[in-house]
Amino acid sequence: MIQPLAALALLGEGAGRPEWARLVAADPDAGRRERLAACPGLPADVAETLAADPDIRVVVELALWTTSDMAARLAEHPHAEARRAVAANEATPPSAGRVAHR
């Protein structure tokens, strides 16, 4: 097993390995998953996992920092907190931002 805090530090710098991100995405500690959601360059499967996380804080963090494609998808999220985070994400396409403000 990896050292999750060390892995998160490296992933946060864009220097981690994709398999580390996958392991942290499955971590039972929601705080670690939330921290992972803010990391740049996450593999698509990891972003998908985080977007479906049962803890809304993880989804919100992903919505704040994710790519334009994922932000556009999260603009339709049922939780207003996630939609507000999408609206605050600079990568959100203008058309998705209108949906996020509903």
PDB file of N, CA and C in Angstrom:
ATOM      1  N   MET A   1       0.852  -1.193   0.000  1.00  0.00           N
ATOM      2  CA  MET A   1       0.000   0.000   0.000  1.00  0.00           C
ATOM      3  C   MET A   1       0.888   1.243   0.000  1.00  0.00           C
ATOM      4  N   ILE A   2       0.389   2.272  -0.620  1.00  0.00           N
ATOM      5  CA  ILE A   2       1.109   3.538  -0.683  1.00  0.00           C
ATOM      6  C   ILE A   2       0.927   4.308   0.617  1.00  0.00           C
ATOM      7  N   GLN A   3       1.732   5.304   0.818  1.00  0.00           N
ATOM      8  CA  GLN A   3       1.553   6.256   1.908  1.00  0.00           C
ATOM      9  C   GLN A   3       0.603   7.325   1.360  1.00  0.00           C
ATOM     10  N   PRO A   4      -0.663   7.347   1.804  1.00  0.00           N
ATOM     11  CA  PRO A   4      -1.638   8.234   1.164  1.00  0.00           C
ATOM     12  C   PRO A   4      -1.286   9.714   1.236  1.00  0.00           C
ATOM     13  N   LEU A   5      -0.730  10.169   2.337  1.00  0.00           N
ATOM     14  CA  LEU A   5      -0.407  11.599   2.432  1.00  0.00           C
ATOM     15  C   LEU A   5       0.734  11.972   1.497  1.00  0.00           C
ATOM     16  N   ALA A   6       1.717  11.108   1.386  1.00  0.00           N
ATOM     17  CA  ALA A   6       2.820  11.355   0.451  1.00  0.00           C
ATOM     18  C   ALA A   6       2.306  11.305  -0.986  1.00  0.00           C
ATOM     19  N   ALA A   7       1.454  10.331  -1.270  1.00  0.00           N
ATOM     20  CA  ALA A   7       0.883  10.223  -2.614  1.00  0.00           C
ATOM     21  C   ALA A   7       0.074  11.466  -2.950  1.00  0.00           C
ATOM     22  N   LEU A   8      -0.724  11.937  -2.002  1.00  0.00           N
ATOM     23  CA  LEU A   8      -1.521  13.145  -2.238  1.00  0.00           C
ATOM     24  C   LEU A   8      -0.644  14.365  -2.478  1.00  0.00           C
ATOM     25  N   ALA A   9       0.446  14.465  -1.739  1.00  0.00           N
ATOM     26  CA  ALA A   9       1.363  15.591  -1.935  1.00  0.00           C
ATOM     27  C   ALA A   9       1.929  15.577  -3.353  1.00  0.00           C
ATOM     28  N   LEU A  10       2.330  14.413  -3.812  1.00  0.00           N
ATOM     29  CA  LEU A  10       2.875  14.305  -5.167  1.00  0.00           C
ATOM     30  C   LEU A  10       1.798  14.510  -6.223  1.00  0.00           C
ATOM     31  N   LEU A  11       0.634  13.920  -6.003  1.00  0.00           N
ATOM     32  CA  LEU A  11      -0.466  14.106  -6.956  1.00  0.00           C
ATOM     33  C   LEU A  11      -0.874  15.573  -7.031  1.00  0.00           C
ATOM     34  N   GLY A  12      -0.829  16.259  -5.917  1.00  0.00           N
ATOM     35  CA  GLY A  12      -1.159  17.683  -5.891  1.00  0.00           C
ATOM     36  C   GLY A  12      -0.200  18.528  -6.714  1.00  0.00           C
ATOM     37  N   GLU A  13       1.016  18.021  -6.868  1.00  0.00           N
ATOM     38  CA  GLU A  13       2.025  18.709  -7.688  1.00  0.00           C
ATOM     39  C   GLU A  13       2.020  18.212  -9.124  1.00  0.00           C
ATOM     40  N   GLY A  14       1.103  17.291  -9.433  1.00  0.00           N
ATOM     41  CA  GLY A  14       1.051  16.725 -10.781  1.00  0.00           C
ATOM     42  C   GLY A  14       2.151  15.719 -11.037  1.00  0.00           C
ATOM     43  N   ALA A  15       2.773  15.217  -9.966  1.00  0.00           N
ATOM     44  CA  ALA A  15       3.909  14.314 -10.120  1.00  0.00           C
ATOM     45  C   ALA A  15       3.609  12.882  -9.691  1.00  0.00           C
ATOM     46  N   GLY A  16       2.388  12.604  -9.294  1.00  0.00           N
ATOM     47  CA  GLY A  16       2.052  11.264  -8.825  1.00  0.00           C
ATOM     48  C   GLY A  16       1.738  10.314  -9.957  1.00  0.00           C
ATOM     49  N   ARG A  17       1.635   9.056  -9.589  1.00  0.00           N
ATOM     50  CA  ARG A  17       1.329   8.020 -10.571  1.00  0.00           C
ATOM     51  C   ARG A  17      -0.180   7.773 -10.604  1.00  0.00           C
ATOM     52  N   PRO A  18      -0.732   7.460 -11.769  1.00  0.00           N
ATOM     53  CA  PRO A  18      -2.176   7.231 -11.884  1.00  0.00           C
ATOM     54  C   PRO A  18      -2.695   6.157 -10.925  1.00  0.00           C
ATOM     55  N   GLU A  19      -1.925   5.120 -10.703  1.00  0.00           N
ATOM     56  CA  GLU A  19      -2.391   4.060  -9.801  1.00  0.00           C
ATOM     57  C   GLU A  19      -2.505   4.555  -8.356  1.00  0.00           C
ATOM     58  N   TRP A  20      -1.713   5.551  -7.976  1.00  0.00           N
ATOM     59  CA  TRP A  20      -1.836   6.129  -6.637  1.00  0.00           C
ATOM     60  C   TRP A  20      -3.187   6.840  -6.523  1.00  0.00           C
ATOM     61  N   ALA A  21      -3.544   7.573  -7.568  1.00  0.00           N
ATOM     62  CA  ALA A  21      -4.826   8.275  -7.567  1.00  0.00           C
ATOM     63  C   ALA A  21      -5.974   7.283  -7.445  1.00  0.00           C
ATOM     64  N   ARG A  22      -5.864   6.153  -8.121  1.00  0.00           N
ATOM     65  CA  ARG A  22      -6.919   5.138  -8.048  1.00  0.00           C
ATOM     66  C   ARG A  22      -7.032   4.565  -6.636  1.00  0.00           C
ATOM     67  N   LEU A  23      -5.913   4.372  -5.986  1.00  0.00           N
ATOM     68  CA  LEU A  23      -5.941   3.844  -4.621  1.00  0.00           C
ATOM     69  C   LEU A  23      -6.545   4.865  -3.651  1.00  0.00           C
ATOM     70  N   VAL A  24      -6.171   6.118  -3.790  1.00  0.00           N
ATOM     71  CA  VAL A  24      -6.700   7.144  -2.890  1.00  0.00           C
ATOM     72  C   VAL A  24      -8.196   7.352  -3.160  1.00  0.00           C
ATOM     73  N   ALA A  25      -8.629   7.228  -4.407  1.00  0.00           N
ATOM     74  CA  ALA A  25     -10.052   7.380  -4.733  1.00  0.00           C
ATOM     75  C   ALA A  25     -10.907   6.326  -4.038  1.00  0.00           C
ATOM     76  N   ALA A  26     -10.300   5.197  -3.695  1.00  0.00           N
ATOM     77  CA  ALA A  26     -11.014   4.119  -3.000  1.00  0.00           C
ATOM     78  C   ALA A  26     -10.779   4.155  -1.488  1.00  0.00           C
ATOM     79  N   ASP A  27     -10.045   5.143  -1.017  1.00  0.00           N
ATOM     80  CA  ASP A  27      -9.731   5.250   0.408  1.00  0.00           C
ATOM     81  C   ASP A  27     -11.019   5.487   1.206  1.00  0.00           C
ATOM     82  N   PRO A  28     -11.195   4.805   2.330  1.00  0.00           N
ATOM     83  CA  PRO A  28     -12.401   5.039   3.136  1.00  0.00           C
ATOM     84  C   PRO A  28     -12.439   6.420   3.805  1.00  0.00           C
ATOM     85  N   ASP A  29     -11.314   7.107   3.849  1.00  0.00           N
ATOM     86  CA  ASP A  29     -11.252   8.445   4.462  1.00  0.00           C
ATOM     87  C   ASP A  29     -11.721   9.491   3.447  1.00  0.00           C
ATOM     88  N   ALA A  30     -12.910  10.049   3.677  1.00  0.00           N
ATOM     89  CA  ALA A  30     -13.467  11.035   2.755  1.00  0.00           C
ATOM     90  C   ALA A  30     -12.582  12.278   2.641  1.00  0.00           C
ATOM     91  N   GLY A  31     -11.877  12.618   3.691  1.00  0.00           N
ATOM     92  CA  GLY A  31     -10.976  13.770   3.646  1.00  0.00           C
ATOM     93  C   GLY A  31      -9.857  13.573   2.637  1.00  0.00           C
ATOM     94  N   ARG A  32      -9.351  12.369   2.551  1.00  0.00           N
ATOM     95  CA  ARG A  32      -8.306  12.089   1.545  1.00  0.00           C
ATOM     96  C   ARG A  32      -8.888  12.122   0.146  1.00  0.00           C
ATOM     97  N   ARG A  33     -10.092  11.576  -0.021  1.00  0.00           N
ATOM     98  CA  ARG A  33     -10.722  11.620  -1.348  1.00  0.00           C
ATOM     99  C   ARG A  33     -11.014  13.061  -1.747  1.00  0.00           C
ATOM    100  N   GLU A  34     -11.421  13.866  -0.779  1.00  0.00           N
ATOM    101  CA  GLU A  34     -11.686  15.280  -1.044  1.00  0.00           C
ATOM    102  C   GLU A  34     -10.409  15.992  -1.482  1.00  0.00           C
ATOM    103  N   ARG A  35      -9.331  15.714  -0.799  1.00  0.00           N
ATOM    104  CA  ARG A  35      -8.043  16.331  -1.159  1.00  0.00           C
ATOM    105  C   ARG A  35      -7.599  15.874  -2.550  1.00  0.00           C
ATOM    106  N   LEU A  36      -7.834  14.590  -2.862  1.00  0.00           N
ATOM    107  CA  LEU A  36      -7.502  14.059  -4.185  1.00  0.00           C
ATOM    108  C   LEU A  36      -8.287  14.793  -5.266  1.00  0.00           C
ATOM    109  N   ALA A  37      -9.540  15.101  -4.992  1.00  0.00           N
ATOM    110  CA  ALA A  37     -10.403  15.742  -5.985  1.00  0.00           C
ATOM    111  C   ALA A  37      -9.861  17.093  -6.452  1.00  0.00           C
ATOM    112  N   ALA A  38      -9.015  17.724  -5.661  1.00  0.00           N
ATOM    113  CA  ALA A  38      -8.434  19.015  -6.033  1.00  0.00           C
ATOM    114  C   ALA A  38      -7.140  18.871  -6.833  1.00  0.00           C
ATOM    115  N   CYS A  39      -6.673  17.657  -7.024  1.00  0.00           N
ATOM    116  CA  CYS A  39      -5.400  17.441  -7.723  1.00  0.00           C
ATOM    117  C   CYS A  39      -5.571  17.620  -9.229  1.00  0.00           C
ATOM    118  N   PRO A  40      -4.574  18.209  -9.869  1.00  0.00           N
ATOM    119  CA  PRO A  40      -4.645  18.397 -11.324  1.00  0.00           C
ATOM    120  C   PRO A  40      -4.346  17.107 -12.076  1.00  0.00           C
ATOM    121  N   GLY A  41      -4.900  16.997 -13.263  1.00  0.00           N
ATOM    122  CA  GLY A  41      -4.549  15.911 -14.164  1.00  0.00           C
ATOM    123  C   GLY A  41      -4.962  14.520 -13.729  1.00  0.00           C
ATOM    124  N   LEU A  42      -6.066  14.418 -13.037  1.00  0.00           N
ATOM    125  CA  LEU A  42      -6.520  13.095 -12.597  1.00  0.00           C
ATOM    126  C   LEU A  42      -6.922  12.248 -13.801  1.00  0.00           C
ATOM    127  N   PRO A  43      -6.639  10.949 -13.746  1.00  0.00           N
ATOM    128  CA  PRO A  43      -7.123  10.070 -14.817  1.00  0.00           C
ATOM    129  C   PRO A  43      -8.652  10.137 -14.893  1.00  0.00           C
ATOM    130  N   ALA A  44      -9.188   9.951 -16.068  1.00  0.00           N
ATOM    131  CA  ALA A  44     -10.633  10.061 -16.280  1.00  0.00           C
ATOM    132  C   ALA A  44     -11.419   9.106 -15.384  1.00  0.00           C
ATOM    133  N   ASP A  45     -10.910   7.907 -15.197  1.00  0.00           N
ATOM    134  CA  ASP A  45     -11.646   6.950 -14.363  1.00  0.00           C
ATOM    135  C   ASP A  45     -11.667   7.389 -12.897  1.00  0.00           C
ATOM    136  N   VAL A  46     -10.626   8.052 -12.455  1.00  0.00           N
ATOM    137  CA  VAL A  46     -10.580   8.560 -11.078  1.00  0.00           C
ATOM    138  C   VAL A  46     -11.576   9.712 -10.933  1.00  0.00           C
ATOM    139  N   ALA A  47     -11.615  10.606 -11.904  1.00  0.00           N
ATOM    140  CA  ALA A  47     -12.576  11.709 -11.861  1.00  0.00           C
ATOM    141  C   ALA A  47     -14.006  11.172 -11.848  1.00  0.00           C
ATOM    142  N   GLU A  48     -14.263  10.139 -12.623  1.00  0.00           N
ATOM    143  CA  GLU A  48     -15.602   9.514 -12.638  1.00  0.00           C
ATOM    144  C   GLU A  48     -15.946   8.959 -11.265  1.00  0.00           C
ATOM    145  N   THR A  49     -14.987   8.294 -10.639  1.00  0.00           N
ATOM    146  CA  THR A  49     -15.204   7.733  -9.306  1.00  0.00           C
ATOM    147  C   THR A  49     -15.516   8.838  -8.308  1.00  0.00           C
ATOM    148  N   LEU A  50     -14.746   9.908  -8.355  1.00  0.00           N
ATOM    149  CA  LEU A  50     -14.950  11.014  -7.425  1.00  0.00           C
ATOM    150  C   LEU A  50     -16.268  11.748  -7.688  1.00  0.00           C
ATOM    151  N   ALA A  51     -16.663  11.850  -8.940  1.00  0.00           N
ATOM    152  CA  ALA A  51     -17.928  12.514  -9.284  1.00  0.00           C
ATOM    153  C   ALA A  51     -19.124  11.747  -8.729  1.00  0.00           C
ATOM    154  N   ALA A  52     -18.962  10.451  -8.533  1.00  0.00           N
ATOM    155  CA  ALA A  52     -20.041   9.609  -7.996  1.00  0.00           C
ATOM    156  C   ALA A  52     -19.879   9.351  -6.504  1.00  0.00           C
ATOM    157  N   ASP A  53     -18.948  10.031  -5.858  1.00  0.00           N
ATOM    158  CA  ASP A  53     -18.675   9.783  -4.444  1.00  0.00           C
ATOM    159  C   ASP A  53     -19.930  10.052  -3.601  1.00  0.00           C
ATOM    160  N   PRO A  54     -20.174   9.216  -2.591  1.00  0.00           N
ATOM    161  CA  PRO A  54     -21.340   9.432  -1.738  1.00  0.00           C
ATOM    162  C   PRO A  54     -21.202  10.649  -0.811  1.00  0.00           C
ATOM    163  N   ASP A  55     -19.987  11.135  -0.618  1.00  0.00           N
ATOM    164  CA  ASP A  55     -19.762  12.311   0.227  1.00  0.00           C
ATOM    165  C   ASP A  55     -19.769  13.553  -0.663  1.00  0.00           C
ATOM    166  N   ILE A  56     -20.742  14.423  -0.483  1.00  0.00           N
ATOM    167  CA  ILE A  56     -20.896  15.597  -1.337  1.00  0.00           C
ATOM    168  C   ILE A  56     -19.679  16.505  -1.284  1.00  0.00           C
ATOM    169  N   ARG A  57     -18.930  16.503  -0.190  1.00  0.00           N
ATOM    170  CA  ARG A  57     -17.733  17.353  -0.103  1.00  0.00           C
ATOM    171  C   ARG A  57     -16.706  16.951  -1.159  1.00  0.00           C
ATOM    172  N   VAL A  58     -16.627  15.664  -1.449  1.00  0.00           N
ATOM    173  CA  VAL A  58     -15.696  15.182  -2.478  1.00  0.00           C
ATOM    174  C   VAL A  58     -16.146  15.678  -3.845  1.00  0.00           C
ATOM    175  N   VAL A  59     -17.422  15.567  -4.134  1.00  0.00           N
ATOM    176  CA  VAL A  59     -17.963  16.009  -5.425  1.00  0.00           C
ATOM    177  C   VAL A  59     -17.783  17.516  -5.583  1.00  0.00           C
ATOM    178  N   VAL A  60     -18.035  18.261  -4.523  1.00  0.00           N
ATOM    179  CA  VAL A  60     -17.875  19.719  -4.569  1.00  0.00           C
ATOM    180  C   VAL A  60     -16.425  20.088  -4.870  1.00  0.00           C
ATOM    181  N   GLU A  61     -15.502  19.438  -4.209  1.00  0.00           N
ATOM    182  CA  GLU A  61     -14.081  19.743  -4.454  1.00  0.00           C
ATOM    183  C   GLU A  61     -13.702  19.421  -5.892  1.00  0.00           C
ATOM    184  N   LEU A  62     -14.184  18.298  -6.403  1.00  0.00           N
ATOM    185  CA  LEU A  62     -13.927  17.961  -7.803  1.00  0.00           C
ATOM    186  C   LEU A  62     -14.523  19.030  -8.718  1.00  0.00           C
ATOM    187  N   ALA A  63     -15.740  19.453  -8.437  1.00  0.00           N
ATOM    188  CA  ALA A  63     -16.407  20.455  -9.272  1.00  0.00           C
ATOM    189  C   ALA A  63     -15.631  21.772  -9.317  1.00  0.00           C
ATOM    190  N   LEU A  64     -14.961  22.114  -8.230  1.00  0.00           N
ATOM    191  CA  LEU A  64     -14.180  23.348  -8.189  1.00  0.00           C
ATOM    192  C   LEU A  64     -12.946  23.314  -9.076  1.00  0.00           C
ATOM    193  N   TRP A  65     -12.348  22.131  -9.259  1.00  0.00           N
ATOM    194  CA  TRP A  65     -11.033  22.044  -9.882  1.00  0.00           C
ATOM    195  C   TRP A  65     -10.974  21.193 -11.140  1.00  0.00           C
ATOM    196  N   THR A  66     -12.052  20.601 -11.555  1.00  0.00           N
ATOM    197  CA  THR A  66     -12.024  19.637 -12.648  1.00  0.00           C
ATOM    198  C   THR A  66     -11.921  20.305 -14.013  1.00  0.00           C
ATOM    199  N   THR A  67     -11.848  19.473 -15.020  1.00  0.00           N
ATOM    200  CA  THR A  67     -11.769  19.920 -16.412  1.00  0.00           C
ATOM    201  C   THR A  67     -13.120  20.446 -16.886  1.00  0.00           C
ATOM    202  N   SER A  68     -13.110  21.102 -18.014  1.00  0.00           N
ATOM    203  CA  SER A  68     -14.348  21.673 -18.553  1.00  0.00           C
ATOM    204  C   SER A  68     -15.381  20.594 -18.860  1.00  0.00           C
ATOM    205  N   ASP A  69     -14.945  19.449 -19.376  1.00  0.00           N
ATOM    206  CA  ASP A  69     -15.896  18.376 -19.694  1.00  0.00           C
ATOM    207  C   ASP A  69     -16.604  17.865 -18.450  1.00  0.00           C
ATOM    208  N   MET A  70     -15.849  17.587 -17.405  1.00  0.00           N
ATOM    209  CA  MET A  70     -16.456  17.083 -16.173  1.00  0.00           C
ATOM    210  C   MET A  70     -17.286  18.182 -15.506  1.00  0.00           C
ATOM    211  N   ALA A  71     -16.819  19.416 -15.568  1.00  0.00           N
ATOM    212  CA  ALA A  71     -17.590  20.520 -14.984  1.00  0.00           C
ATOM    213  C   ALA A  71     -18.945  20.639 -15.671  1.00  0.00           C
ATOM    214  N   ALA A  72     -18.958  20.495 -16.975  1.00  0.00           N
ATOM    215  CA  ALA A  72     -20.221  20.564 -17.710  1.00  0.00           C
ATOM    216  C   ALA A  72     -21.169  19.458 -17.244  1.00  0.00           C
ATOM    217  N   ARG A  73     -20.637  18.284 -16.994  1.00  0.00           N
ATOM    218  CA  ARG A  73     -21.472  17.179 -16.497  1.00  0.00           C
ATOM    219  C   ARG A  73     -21.958  17.455 -15.076  1.00  0.00           C
ATOM    220  N   LEU A  74     -21.067  17.952 -14.234  1.00  0.00           N
ATOM    221  CA  LEU A  74     -21.440  18.208 -12.842  1.00  0.00           C
ATOM    222  C   LEU A  74     -22.404  19.387 -12.697  1.00  0.00           C
ATOM    223  N   ALA A  75     -22.525  20.205 -13.734  1.00  0.00           N
ATOM    224  CA  ALA A  75     -23.486  21.304 -13.704  1.00  0.00           C
ATOM    225  C   ALA A  75     -24.914  20.785 -13.585  1.00  0.00           C
ATOM    226  N   GLU A  76     -25.107  19.524 -13.913  1.00  0.00           N
ATOM    227  CA  GLU A  76     -26.428  18.893 -13.818  1.00  0.00           C
ATOM    228  C   GLU A  76     -26.594  18.107 -12.516  1.00  0.00           C
ATOM    229  N   HIS A  77     -25.633  18.192 -11.616  1.00  0.00           N
ATOM    230  CA  HIS A  77     -25.677  17.414 -10.371  1.00  0.00           C
ATOM    231  C   HIS A  77     -26.906  17.803  -9.547  1.00  0.00           C
ATOM    232  N   PRO A  78     -27.516  16.840  -8.866  1.00  0.00           N
ATOM    233  CA  PRO A  78     -28.722  17.153  -8.085  1.00  0.00           C
ATOM    234  C   PRO A  78     -28.472  18.042  -6.858  1.00  0.00           C
ATOM    235  N   HIS A  79     -27.245  18.098  -6.350  1.00  0.00           N
ATOM    236  CA  HIS A  79     -26.957  18.915  -5.175  1.00  0.00           C
ATOM    237  C   HIS A  79     -26.552  20.331  -5.585  1.00  0.00           C
ATOM    238  N   ALA A  80     -27.215  21.317  -5.009  1.00  0.00           N
ATOM    239  CA  ALA A  80     -26.914  22.715  -5.319  1.00  0.00           C
ATOM    240  C   ALA A  80     -25.467  23.066  -4.984  1.00  0.00           C
ATOM    241  N   GLU A  81     -24.914  22.451  -3.944  1.00  0.00           N
ATOM    242  CA  GLU A  81     -23.515  22.741  -3.579  1.00  0.00           C
ATOM    243  C   GLU A  81     -22.570  22.388  -4.720  1.00  0.00           C
ATOM    244  N   ALA A  82     -22.819  21.284  -5.378  1.00  0.00           N
ATOM    245  CA  ALA A  82     -21.977  20.874  -6.507  1.00  0.00           C
ATOM    246  C   ALA A  82     -22.156  21.839  -7.672  1.00  0.00           C
ATOM    247  N   ARG A  83     -23.386  22.245  -7.939  1.00  0.00           N
ATOM    248  CA  ARG A  83     -23.632  23.185  -9.037  1.00  0.00           C
ATOM    249  C   ARG A  83     -22.991  24.544  -8.764  1.00  0.00           C
ATOM    250  N   ARG A  84     -23.021  24.998  -7.504  1.00  0.00           N
ATOM    251  CA  ARG A  84     -22.350  26.266  -7.157  1.00  0.00           C
ATOM    252  C   ARG A  84     -20.844  26.161  -7.374  1.00  0.00           C
ATOM    253  N   ALA A  85     -20.279  25.011  -7.022  1.00  0.00           N
ATOM    254  CA  ALA A  85     -18.842  24.810  -7.215  1.00  0.00           C
ATOM    255  C   ALA A  85     -18.492  24.809  -8.702  1.00  0.00           C
ATOM    256  N   VAL A  86     -19.331  24.213  -9.511  1.00  0.00           N
ATOM    257  CA  VAL A  86     -19.116  24.234 -10.965  1.00  0.00           C
ATOM    258  C   VAL A  86     -19.089  25.676 -11.462  1.00  0.00           C
ATOM    259  N   ALA A  87     -20.012  26.487 -10.965  1.00  0.00           N
ATOM    260  CA  ALA A  87     -20.076  27.886 -11.395  1.00  0.00           C
ATOM    261  C   ALA A  87     -18.817  28.657 -11.013  1.00  0.00           C
ATOM    262  N   ALA A  88     -18.154  28.245  -9.945  1.00  0.00           N
ATOM    263  CA  ALA A  88     -16.931  28.918  -9.498  1.00  0.00           C
ATOM    264  C   ALA A  88     -15.680  28.418 -10.220  1.00  0.00           C
ATOM    265  N   ASN A  89     -15.787  27.319 -10.934  1.00  0.00           N
ATOM    266  CA  ASN A  89     -14.643  26.728 -11.629  1.00  0.00           C
ATOM    267  C   ASN A  89     -14.384  27.505 -12.916  1.00  0.00           C
ATOM    268  N   GLU A  90     -13.182  28.054 -13.050  1.00  0.00           N
ATOM    269  CA  GLU A  90     -12.825  28.843 -14.239  1.00  0.00           C
ATOM    270  C   GLU A  90     -12.832  28.024 -15.523  1.00  0.00           C
ATOM    271  N   ALA A  91     -12.715  26.702 -15.418  1.00  0.00           N
ATOM    272  CA  ALA A  91     -12.715  25.849 -16.598  1.00  0.00           C
ATOM    273  C   ALA A  91     -14.122  25.532 -17.099  1.00  0.00           C
ATOM    274  N   THR A  92     -15.139  25.909 -16.336  1.00  0.00           N
ATOM    275  CA  THR A  92     -16.514  25.594 -16.723  1.00  0.00           C
ATOM    276  C   THR A  92     -16.889  26.355 -17.988  1.00  0.00           C
ATOM    277  N   PRO A  93     -17.384  25.638 -19.002  1.00  0.00           N
ATOM    278  CA  PRO A  93     -17.833  26.320 -20.211  1.00  0.00           C
ATOM    279  C   PRO A  93     -19.017  27.251 -19.900  1.00  0.00           C
ATOM    280  N   PRO A  94     -19.118  28.378 -20.577  1.00  0.00           N
ATOM    281  CA  PRO A  94     -20.196  29.325 -20.292  1.00  0.00           C
ATOM    282  C   PRO A  94     -21.584  28.694 -20.329  1.00  0.00           C
ATOM    283  N   SER A  95     -21.826  27.788 -21.244  1.00  0.00           N
ATOM    284  CA  SER A  95     -23.155  27.176 -21.339  1.00  0.00           C
ATOM    285  C   SER A  95     -23.457  26.329 -20.098  1.00  0.00           C
ATOM    286  N   ALA A  96     -22.470  25.690 -19.536  1.00  0.00           N
ATOM    287  CA  ALA A  96     -22.675  24.871 -18.318  1.00  0.00           C
ATOM    288  C   ALA A  96     -22.857  25.782 -17.108  1.00  0.00           C
ATOM    289  N   GLY A  97     -22.207  26.913 -17.102  1.00  0.00           N
ATOM    290  CA  GLY A  97     -22.335  27.845 -15.979  1.00  0.00           C
ATOM    291  C   GLY A  97     -23.767  28.342 -15.816  1.00  0.00           C
ATOM    292  N   ARG A  98     -24.470  28.506 -16.945  1.00  0.00           N
ATOM    293  CA  ARG A  98     -25.880  28.933 -16.870  1.00  0.00           C
ATOM    294  C   ARG A  98     -26.711  27.874 -16.188  1.00  0.00           C
ATOM    295  N   VAL A  99     -26.444  26.609 -16.459  1.00  0.00           N
ATOM    296  CA  VAL A  99     -27.176  25.522 -15.823  1.00  0.00           C
ATOM    297  C   VAL A  99     -26.847  25.501 -14.336  1.00  0.00           C
ATOM    298  N   ALA A 100     -25.587  25.714 -13.986  1.00  0.00           N
ATOM    299  CA  ALA A 100     -25.146  25.625 -12.600  1.00  0.00           C
ATOM    300  C   ALA A 100     -25.809  26.666 -11.718  1.00  0.00           C
ATOM    301  N   HIS A 101     -26.274  27.763 -12.279  1.00  0.00           N
ATOM    302  CA  HIS A 101     -26.863  28.849 -11.470  1.00  0.00           C
ATOM    303  C   HIS A 101     -28.351  28.671 -11.205  1.00  0.00           C
ATOM    304  N   ARG A 102     -28.937  27.598 -11.674  1.00  0.00           N
ATOM    305  CA  ARG A 102     -30.386  27.448 -11.506  1.00  0.00           C
ATOM    306  C   ARG A 102     -30.796  27.342 -10.070  1.00  0.00           C
TER     307      ARG A 102
END
